Protein backbone atom coordinates (compact mmCIF):
# COMPACT_ATOMS: atom_id res chain seq x y z
CA MET A 1 -0.24 -44.95 1.59
CA THR A 2 -1.52 -44.01 5.08
CA ARG A 3 0.88 -41.54 6.67
CA LYS A 4 2.12 -42.53 10.10
CA PHE A 5 4.24 -39.52 11.01
CA PHE A 6 3.36 -36.46 8.91
CA GLY A 7 0.29 -34.36 9.64
CA THR A 8 -0.92 -31.04 8.25
CA ASP A 9 2.30 -29.27 9.28
CA GLY A 10 5.17 -31.73 9.47
CA VAL A 11 5.64 -34.23 12.28
CA ARG A 12 4.31 -33.30 15.69
CA GLY A 13 3.67 -34.93 19.06
CA ARG A 14 4.68 -35.15 22.68
CA ALA A 15 8.43 -34.83 23.17
CA ASN A 16 10.33 -38.08 23.78
CA GLU A 17 7.31 -40.14 22.77
CA GLU A 18 6.80 -41.45 19.25
CA PRO A 19 7.10 -39.92 16.76
CA ILE A 20 9.02 -37.14 18.51
CA THR A 21 11.96 -39.25 19.67
CA ALA A 22 15.66 -39.05 18.91
CA ALA A 23 15.48 -42.35 17.02
CA THR A 24 12.65 -41.23 14.74
CA ALA A 25 14.27 -37.82 14.19
CA LEU A 26 17.48 -39.61 13.17
CA ALA A 27 15.62 -41.85 10.69
CA LEU A 28 13.63 -38.90 9.33
CA ALA A 29 16.81 -36.92 8.69
CA MET A 30 18.45 -39.89 6.97
CA ALA A 31 15.45 -40.46 4.70
CA ALA A 32 15.00 -36.78 3.87
CA GLY A 33 18.72 -36.22 3.39
CA ALA A 34 19.08 -39.17 1.05
CA ARG A 35 16.15 -37.93 -1.03
CA PHE A 36 17.50 -34.38 -1.41
CA ARG A 37 21.27 -34.89 -1.55
CA HIS A 38 23.10 -34.45 -4.84
CA PRO A 39 25.02 -37.38 -6.36
CA GLY A 40 28.73 -36.77 -6.42
CA ARG A 41 28.85 -34.04 -3.77
CA HIS A 42 27.71 -33.32 -0.27
CA GLY A 43 24.29 -31.79 0.05
CA LEU A 44 23.47 -29.13 2.63
CA ALA A 45 20.77 -29.04 5.31
CA VAL A 46 20.08 -26.08 7.60
CA ILE A 47 18.46 -26.65 11.00
CA GLY A 48 16.65 -24.08 13.14
CA LYS A 49 14.66 -24.51 16.31
CA ASP A 50 12.54 -22.69 18.86
CA THR A 51 13.24 -22.52 22.60
CA ARG A 52 11.77 -25.84 23.84
CA LEU A 53 13.89 -28.05 26.06
CA SER A 54 13.41 -31.00 23.69
CA GLY A 55 15.07 -29.08 20.89
CA TYR A 56 18.38 -30.00 22.48
CA MET A 57 17.51 -33.67 21.88
CA LEU A 58 16.09 -33.40 18.36
CA GLU A 59 18.69 -31.04 16.86
CA PRO A 60 21.71 -33.37 17.37
CA ALA A 61 19.65 -36.41 16.35
CA MET A 62 18.74 -34.82 13.03
CA THR A 63 22.28 -33.56 12.58
CA ALA A 64 23.61 -37.09 12.99
CA GLY A 65 21.06 -38.41 10.51
CA PHE A 66 22.04 -35.93 7.83
CA LEU A 67 25.77 -36.46 8.36
CA SER A 68 25.37 -40.23 8.09
CA VAL A 69 23.92 -39.94 4.57
CA GLY A 70 26.59 -37.53 3.37
CA MET A 71 24.93 -34.17 3.93
CA ASP A 72 26.64 -31.20 5.53
CA VAL A 73 24.67 -29.37 8.22
CA VAL A 74 24.49 -25.71 9.23
CA LEU A 75 22.97 -25.07 12.65
CA LEU A 76 21.01 -21.81 12.88
CA GLY A 77 20.05 -21.89 16.56
CA PRO A 78 16.76 -20.38 17.82
CA LEU A 79 15.10 -18.58 14.91
CA PRO A 80 11.51 -18.19 13.62
CA THR A 81 10.19 -20.76 11.16
CA PRO A 82 10.09 -18.25 8.26
CA ALA A 83 13.78 -17.53 8.85
CA VAL A 84 14.53 -21.18 8.12
CA GLY A 85 12.59 -21.01 4.85
CA MET A 86 14.42 -17.83 3.88
CA LEU A 87 17.88 -19.11 4.78
CA THR A 88 17.30 -22.46 3.05
CA ARG A 89 16.83 -20.59 -0.21
CA SER A 90 19.38 -17.85 0.48
CA MET A 91 22.16 -20.32 1.31
CA ARG A 92 21.31 -22.60 -1.61
CA ALA A 93 20.69 -25.44 0.82
CA ASP A 94 19.03 -28.65 -0.32
CA LEU A 95 16.81 -28.97 2.72
CA GLY A 96 15.67 -26.88 5.67
CA VAL A 97 14.46 -28.11 9.05
CA MET A 98 12.54 -26.25 11.74
CA ILE A 99 12.23 -27.99 15.09
CA SER A 100 9.11 -26.53 16.66
CA ALA A 101 5.56 -27.30 17.71
CA SER A 102 4.48 -23.75 16.91
CA HIS A 103 1.75 -22.64 19.35
CA ASN A 104 1.68 -25.90 21.37
CA PRO A 105 3.01 -26.11 24.96
CA PHE A 106 6.63 -26.92 25.74
CA ASP A 107 6.12 -30.66 26.20
CA ASP A 108 5.18 -31.01 22.53
CA ASN A 109 7.59 -30.60 19.65
CA GLY A 110 7.62 -31.02 15.90
CA ILE A 111 9.71 -31.15 12.75
CA LYS A 112 8.92 -29.08 9.65
CA LEU A 113 10.80 -29.61 6.39
CA PHE A 114 11.54 -27.09 3.63
CA GLY A 115 12.72 -27.84 0.11
CA PRO A 116 15.56 -26.02 -1.67
CA ASP A 117 13.11 -23.37 -2.88
CA GLY A 118 12.32 -22.43 0.73
CA PHE A 119 8.76 -23.79 0.60
CA LYS A 120 7.40 -26.53 2.83
CA LEU A 121 7.41 -29.96 1.25
CA SER A 122 4.36 -31.29 -0.54
CA ASP A 123 2.29 -34.23 0.70
CA GLU A 124 3.88 -36.36 -2.02
CA GLU A 125 7.43 -35.55 -0.89
CA GLU A 126 6.56 -36.19 2.76
CA THR A 127 4.95 -39.52 1.89
CA ALA A 128 8.04 -40.61 -0.06
CA ILE A 129 10.31 -39.64 2.84
CA GLU A 130 8.15 -41.54 5.29
CA ALA A 131 8.31 -44.66 3.11
CA ALA A 132 12.12 -44.44 3.00
CA MET A 133 12.32 -44.36 6.81
CA ASN A 134 11.74 -48.12 6.79
CA THR A 135 15.07 -48.80 5.06
CA VAL A 136 17.44 -46.15 6.44
CA ALA A 137 20.23 -48.68 7.01
CA ASP A 138 20.63 -48.85 3.23
CA LEU A 139 21.11 -45.07 3.02
CA ARG A 140 24.34 -44.73 5.00
CA VAL A 141 27.45 -43.57 3.13
CA PRO A 142 31.04 -44.83 3.65
CA GLY A 143 32.97 -43.24 6.49
CA GLU A 144 35.04 -41.06 4.20
CA SER A 145 31.87 -39.53 2.72
CA LEU A 146 30.26 -38.41 5.98
CA GLY A 147 29.06 -34.82 6.15
CA ARG A 148 30.34 -32.05 8.42
CA ALA A 149 28.42 -29.74 10.75
CA ARG A 150 29.00 -26.09 11.62
CA ARG A 151 27.11 -23.26 13.29
CA LEU A 152 26.10 -20.11 11.37
CA ASP A 153 26.99 -17.26 13.71
CA ASP A 154 25.21 -14.52 11.76
CA ALA A 155 21.89 -16.30 11.10
CA TYR A 156 20.11 -13.88 13.43
CA GLY A 157 21.60 -10.85 11.69
CA ARG A 158 20.73 -12.13 8.22
CA TYR A 159 17.08 -12.59 9.16
CA LEU A 160 16.94 -9.25 11.00
CA GLU A 161 18.03 -7.34 7.91
CA PHE A 162 15.72 -9.39 5.70
CA ILE A 163 12.73 -8.47 7.87
CA LYS A 164 13.63 -4.78 7.94
CA GLY A 165 13.85 -4.86 4.15
CA SER A 166 10.14 -5.74 3.94
CA PHE A 167 9.18 -2.38 5.49
CA PRO A 168 8.82 0.61 3.11
CA ARG A 169 12.08 2.55 3.01
CA ASN A 170 10.31 5.91 3.13
CA LEU A 171 8.57 5.15 6.43
CA GLN A 172 9.68 4.90 10.05
CA LEU A 173 7.99 3.86 13.27
CA ASP A 174 9.09 7.02 15.09
CA GLY A 175 6.56 8.13 17.70
CA LEU A 176 4.81 4.76 17.95
CA LYS A 177 4.72 2.79 21.18
CA ILE A 178 4.43 -0.95 20.50
CA VAL A 179 4.05 -3.83 22.94
CA VAL A 180 5.34 -7.11 21.47
CA ASP A 181 4.76 -10.52 23.07
CA CYS A 182 7.27 -13.06 21.80
CA ALA A 183 5.75 -16.04 23.68
CA HIS A 184 9.19 -16.90 25.15
CA GLY A 185 9.75 -18.40 21.71
CA ALA A 186 11.95 -18.24 18.65
CA ALA A 187 11.54 -14.49 18.05
CA TYR A 188 12.43 -13.40 21.59
CA LYS A 189 15.49 -11.48 20.37
CA VAL A 190 14.73 -10.56 16.78
CA ALA A 191 11.20 -9.12 17.14
CA PRO A 192 11.95 -6.37 19.69
CA THR A 193 15.16 -5.50 17.83
CA VAL A 194 13.42 -5.10 14.46
CA LEU A 195 10.79 -2.78 15.90
CA PHE A 196 13.38 -0.73 17.82
CA GLU A 197 15.69 -0.32 14.83
CA LEU A 198 12.75 0.90 12.74
CA GLY A 199 12.15 3.68 15.27
CA ALA A 200 9.47 2.43 17.67
CA GLU A 201 9.38 2.62 21.43
CA VAL A 202 9.23 -1.07 22.31
CA ILE A 203 7.87 -2.83 25.37
CA ALA A 204 8.81 -6.51 25.14
CA LEU A 205 6.95 -9.37 26.81
CA GLY A 206 7.69 -13.10 26.67
CA VAL A 207 11.42 -12.66 26.09
CA GLN A 208 12.84 -14.87 28.86
CA PRO A 209 12.69 -18.43 27.53
CA ASN A 210 13.75 -21.18 29.90
CA GLY A 211 12.86 -24.25 27.84
CA PHE A 212 9.54 -24.74 29.61
CA ASN A 213 7.58 -21.47 29.32
CA ILE A 214 7.09 -21.21 25.55
CA ASN A 215 3.46 -20.20 24.80
CA GLN A 216 2.59 -20.43 28.50
CA ASP A 217 -0.19 -17.88 29.10
CA CYS A 218 1.35 -15.65 26.45
CA GLY A 219 1.75 -15.22 22.72
CA ALA A 220 -0.76 -15.43 19.89
CA THR A 221 -2.97 -18.04 21.57
CA ALA A 222 -3.20 -16.28 24.95
CA THR A 223 -3.39 -12.53 24.43
CA ALA A 224 -5.06 -11.37 27.68
CA ALA A 225 -1.82 -10.11 29.27
CA LEU A 226 -0.85 -8.29 26.08
CA GLN A 227 -4.28 -6.67 25.80
CA GLU A 228 -4.04 -5.38 29.38
CA ARG A 229 -0.50 -4.10 28.87
CA VAL A 230 -1.34 -2.23 25.66
CA VAL A 231 -4.09 -0.29 27.45
CA ALA A 232 -2.02 0.27 30.60
CA GLU A 233 0.93 1.63 28.58
CA GLY A 234 -1.18 3.73 26.24
CA ALA A 235 0.46 1.89 23.36
CA ASP A 236 -0.50 2.29 19.72
CA LEU A 237 -0.42 -1.43 18.89
CA GLY A 238 0.19 -4.83 20.43
CA ILE A 239 1.83 -7.68 18.54
CA ALA A 240 1.47 -11.29 19.72
CA LEU A 241 3.64 -13.93 18.08
CA ASP A 242 3.46 -17.66 18.66
CA GLY A 243 6.32 -19.94 19.65
CA ASP A 244 7.93 -20.09 16.20
CA ALA A 245 6.72 -16.64 15.08
CA ASP A 246 4.99 -17.81 11.92
CA ARG A 247 1.68 -16.39 13.12
CA VAL A 248 0.58 -13.09 14.64
CA ILE A 249 -2.44 -11.68 16.43
CA LEU A 250 -2.69 -7.91 16.83
CA VAL A 251 -4.20 -5.77 19.59
CA ASP A 252 -5.43 -2.23 18.93
CA GLU A 253 -4.94 0.72 21.28
CA ARG A 254 -8.22 -0.07 23.03
CA GLY A 255 -7.08 -3.58 23.87
CA GLN A 256 -9.25 -5.28 21.25
CA ARG A 257 -7.92 -8.46 19.66
CA ILE A 258 -7.51 -8.39 15.85
CA ASP A 259 -7.32 -11.71 13.97
CA GLY A 260 -5.85 -12.72 10.64
CA ASP A 261 -9.07 -12.16 8.72
CA GLN A 262 -9.06 -8.41 9.48
CA VAL A 263 -5.39 -8.21 8.50
CA MET A 264 -6.09 -9.91 5.16
CA ALA A 265 -9.01 -7.56 4.60
CA LEU A 266 -6.86 -4.52 5.37
CA ILE A 267 -3.84 -5.44 3.27
CA GLY A 268 -6.02 -6.92 0.51
CA SER A 269 -7.92 -3.63 0.26
CA TYR A 270 -4.81 -1.46 0.25
CA TRP A 271 -2.92 -3.64 -2.20
CA HIS A 272 -5.95 -3.88 -4.48
CA ARG A 273 -6.22 -0.09 -4.65
CA ALA A 274 -2.48 0.21 -5.23
CA GLU A 275 -2.64 -2.49 -7.93
CA ARG A 276 -0.20 -4.61 -5.92
CA LEU A 277 -2.57 -7.56 -5.46
CA HIS A 278 -1.63 -10.38 -7.82
CA GLY A 279 -3.74 -13.25 -9.12
CA PRO A 280 -7.52 -13.57 -8.92
CA GLY A 281 -7.75 -12.66 -5.25
CA VAL A 282 -6.82 -13.55 -1.68
CA VAL A 283 -6.32 -17.14 -0.48
CA ALA A 284 -7.71 -18.21 2.90
CA THR A 285 -8.92 -21.39 4.54
CA VAL A 286 -12.42 -22.67 5.13
CA MET A 287 -12.21 -21.18 8.65
CA SER A 288 -12.11 -17.56 7.50
CA ASN A 289 -15.15 -15.45 8.29
CA LEU A 290 -17.91 -14.87 5.76
CA GLY A 291 -17.53 -11.16 6.50
CA LEU A 292 -14.08 -11.25 4.90
CA GLU A 293 -15.48 -12.95 1.83
CA ARG A 294 -18.29 -10.40 1.47
CA HIS A 295 -15.88 -7.48 1.97
CA LEU A 296 -13.53 -8.69 -0.74
CA GLN A 297 -16.42 -9.41 -3.09
CA GLY A 298 -17.45 -5.78 -2.71
CA LEU A 299 -14.05 -4.79 -4.07
CA GLY A 300 -14.27 -7.25 -6.94
CA VAL A 301 -11.69 -9.50 -5.29
CA GLU A 302 -12.28 -13.24 -4.97
CA LEU A 303 -11.66 -15.20 -1.77
CA LEU A 304 -10.15 -18.56 -2.67
CA ARG A 305 -10.62 -21.12 0.10
CA THR A 306 -8.40 -24.08 0.99
CA PRO A 307 -8.31 -26.77 3.69
CA VAL A 308 -6.93 -25.67 7.06
CA GLY A 309 -3.15 -25.36 7.14
CA ASP A 310 -0.87 -22.58 5.94
CA ARG A 311 0.92 -25.08 3.68
CA TYR A 312 -2.28 -25.53 1.67
CA VAL A 313 -2.74 -21.76 1.50
CA VAL A 314 0.77 -21.40 0.07
CA GLU A 315 0.21 -24.17 -2.47
CA ARG A 316 -2.97 -22.47 -3.73
CA MET A 317 -1.25 -19.10 -3.83
CA ARG A 318 1.51 -20.54 -5.99
CA ALA A 319 -0.94 -22.28 -8.28
CA GLU A 320 -3.07 -19.15 -8.77
CA GLY A 321 -0.26 -16.58 -8.81
CA CYS A 322 -1.56 -14.82 -5.67
CA ASN A 323 0.70 -12.85 -3.34
CA LEU A 324 -1.57 -12.56 -0.27
CA GLY A 325 -3.11 -15.32 1.78
CA GLY A 326 -3.45 -16.67 5.27
CA GLU A 327 -5.50 -18.03 8.10
CA GLN A 328 -7.82 -16.47 10.62
CA SER A 329 -5.50 -17.82 13.34
CA GLY A 330 -2.77 -15.44 12.23
CA HIS A 331 -0.69 -17.37 9.70
CA LEU A 332 -0.29 -14.65 7.06
CA ILE A 333 1.69 -15.18 3.89
CA PHE A 334 3.08 -12.30 1.85
CA SER A 335 4.78 -14.16 -0.98
CA ASP A 336 6.47 -11.01 -2.28
CA TYR A 337 8.71 -11.45 0.76
CA SER A 338 8.40 -14.89 2.31
CA THR A 339 7.71 -18.53 1.44
CA THR A 340 5.62 -19.21 4.54
CA GLY A 341 3.69 -17.42 7.26
CA ASP A 342 5.76 -14.73 8.95
CA GLY A 343 4.31 -12.90 11.96
CA LEU A 344 6.86 -10.09 11.86
CA ILE A 345 6.40 -9.35 8.16
CA ALA A 346 2.62 -9.32 8.66
CA ALA A 347 2.91 -6.92 11.59
CA LEU A 348 5.18 -4.59 9.61
CA GLN A 349 2.77 -4.53 6.67
CA VAL A 350 0.00 -3.43 9.04
CA LEU A 351 2.27 -0.86 10.64
CA ALA A 352 3.07 0.57 7.22
CA VAL A 353 -0.64 1.19 6.64
CA LEU A 354 -1.03 2.56 10.16
CA VAL A 355 1.83 5.04 9.73
CA GLY A 356 0.61 6.10 6.29
CA SER A 357 -2.95 6.67 7.43
CA GLY A 358 -2.25 8.64 10.59
CA ARG A 359 -5.31 7.01 12.19
CA PRO A 360 -5.48 4.78 15.29
CA ALA A 361 -5.32 1.02 14.96
CA SER A 362 -8.92 0.60 16.14
CA GLU A 363 -10.09 2.47 13.03
CA VAL A 364 -7.60 1.07 10.55
CA LEU A 365 -8.12 -2.57 11.55
CA ALA A 366 -11.91 -2.57 11.78
CA VAL A 367 -12.26 -3.34 8.08
CA PHE A 368 -15.44 -5.46 8.05
CA GLU A 369 -18.16 -6.59 10.43
CA PRO A 370 -17.58 -10.29 11.14
CA TYR A 371 -20.44 -12.75 10.97
CA PRO A 372 -21.08 -14.39 14.36
CA GLN A 373 -18.76 -17.38 14.48
CA LEU A 374 -18.13 -19.92 17.21
CA LEU A 375 -15.45 -22.61 17.45
CA ARG A 376 -15.46 -25.47 19.93
CA ASN A 377 -12.72 -28.08 20.33
CA VAL A 378 -13.66 -31.57 21.50
CA ARG A 379 -10.80 -33.77 22.69
CA PHE A 380 -10.98 -37.51 22.02
CA ARG A 381 -8.97 -40.53 23.11
CA ALA A 382 -6.48 -42.16 20.79
CA GLY A 383 -8.12 -44.98 18.87
CA THR A 384 -11.66 -43.57 19.03
CA GLN A 385 -13.47 -42.26 15.96
CA PRO A 386 -16.33 -40.06 17.21
CA LEU A 387 -17.14 -38.67 13.76
CA GLU A 388 -17.95 -42.16 12.49
CA GLN A 389 -20.80 -42.64 14.98
CA PRO A 390 -24.33 -42.61 13.43
CA ALA A 391 -25.63 -40.30 16.17
CA VAL A 392 -22.93 -37.74 15.37
CA ASP A 393 -23.65 -37.91 11.64
CA ALA A 394 -27.35 -37.29 12.32
CA ALA A 395 -26.50 -34.35 14.59
CA ILE A 396 -24.28 -32.82 11.92
CA GLN A 397 -27.06 -33.01 9.33
CA ALA A 398 -29.52 -31.42 11.78
CA ALA A 399 -27.06 -28.63 12.56
CA LYS A 400 -26.54 -27.84 8.87
CA SER A 401 -30.27 -27.71 8.34
CA ALA A 402 -30.74 -25.36 11.30
CA LEU A 403 -28.11 -22.88 10.04
CA GLY A 404 -29.59 -22.91 6.53
CA GLU A 405 -28.11 -21.42 3.38
CA GLY A 406 -27.00 -18.23 5.15
CA GLY A 407 -24.70 -20.09 7.53
CA ARG A 408 -21.78 -22.47 7.50
CA LEU A 409 -20.83 -25.50 9.55
CA LEU A 410 -17.34 -27.02 9.51
CA ILE A 411 -16.37 -30.22 11.30
CA ARG A 412 -12.79 -31.45 11.09
CA LYS A 413 -10.13 -33.30 12.98
CA SER A 414 -7.07 -31.32 13.98
CA GLY A 415 -3.95 -32.32 12.10
CA THR A 416 -1.72 -31.69 15.12
CA GLU A 417 -3.76 -32.67 18.20
CA PRO A 418 -6.43 -35.28 19.12
CA LEU A 419 -9.23 -32.76 18.70
CA VAL A 420 -12.40 -32.45 16.66
CA ARG A 421 -12.99 -28.81 15.76
CA VAL A 422 -16.62 -27.67 15.42
CA MET A 423 -17.16 -24.27 13.81
CA GLY A 424 -20.51 -22.65 13.12
CA GLU A 425 -21.20 -19.32 11.45
CA GLY A 426 -24.31 -17.35 10.54
CA LYS A 427 -26.17 -14.07 10.97
CA ASP A 428 -27.95 -15.14 14.18
CA ALA A 429 -25.42 -15.38 17.04
CA ASP A 430 -27.84 -17.17 19.37
CA LEU A 431 -28.63 -19.80 16.75
CA VAL A 432 -24.95 -20.33 15.99
CA ARG A 433 -24.18 -20.80 19.69
CA LYS A 434 -27.05 -23.26 20.17
CA VAL A 435 -26.11 -25.34 17.12
CA VAL A 436 -22.40 -25.50 17.94
CA GLU A 437 -22.87 -26.29 21.62
CA GLU A 438 -25.36 -29.07 20.93
CA LEU A 439 -23.19 -30.62 18.23
CA ALA A 440 -20.02 -30.37 20.34
CA GLY A 441 -21.89 -32.05 23.19
CA CYS A 442 -22.97 -34.90 20.91
CA ILE A 443 -19.39 -35.42 19.69
CA GLU A 444 -18.13 -35.29 23.27
CA GLU A 445 -20.54 -38.04 24.28
CA ALA A 446 -19.47 -40.19 21.32
CA ALA A 447 -15.80 -39.63 22.19
CA ALA A 448 -16.38 -40.68 25.80
CA ALA A 449 -18.34 -43.84 24.94
CA PRO A 450 -16.56 -47.19 25.43
CA ALA A 451 -14.61 -48.28 22.36
């Protein structure tokens, strides 16, 4: 079955346009609730959200959908995505919902679903839910069996203590100055508080959400302001979260940006030496740098690659018994603590190494020399298929040949936006740039051609 609504990370799109409408959110909640409710008793769904204006539309729509099929609802309010996964499992809920479009601008939104184990749903479960959305009228329960809704007043406090519990008890952040950029998103209260209560001097950016400014020139996808502030303040580390705080990008004391690959290399190395690394190795996506792969190989640790998407990383981690995985973009999964990417847990794991080493972040986080890598995004119109054009296929083959066996070329459609992503990697930076720019130009021409 071709999926109409679900992409690589739930349902996502422009707010108040299909599929991100109140009507579709209502039908989605009814279908998901009916699939996960227990016969003979009310099920339970928990709903969290980030700070987007459209969350006020989607939250009540999904609440109504769940209630109409006999599920009770607990409203968590603005909380990071990993908090929803944690609370779904902690509260023995049957389903968890996060209303967020992650790193996208405010006028987008999305819906992510978690099963009772706190993990995101599989493709098979999402496909079954989508199929049931066609017959939601048959799913309604009698009036006397409707669910009830309530708000969980201490959701923030539960997650705060959970996050602090992931930091080694014998360590403190005393003496460290940390700048944290919360992207005016879901972690705008919890992130500065966690760092402060663990002993750090905290300078907080992006903590004044107004419904429109989430991810706007701030957060994990726009780190320039954070980089400048870290240097200006003489801070020890900068932490950039995205809108739902499931990803993190770090900034060292010199203002240099540190991606998820360096974090995986750092924690993978430390955990390997401490015999804390489980399974055959570290799980990452096809986007991760060859330098990470070579570094881990030197330790005798395998890098297991998956398609892009933290959900696929988690699935491979569970299948292989691994406890560390993630994406170059900053989704980092520490399954000893969390069921999904958690930017705060990742930052605290790095801070634990930093405190223990006594060295500056610029030394601790420069774990390997990355191979030159370049990513270009090419936007295309709805209904066009630029990758199916013969000229593009020929250009892709030529690009692969030019990079040779020592390089890599990845071409893929985004699962959340109308973009084709072109990534090239190799030892020769000039060659990589030439290959990627030429191929991106060819795809751009194909995308602009009349349908």
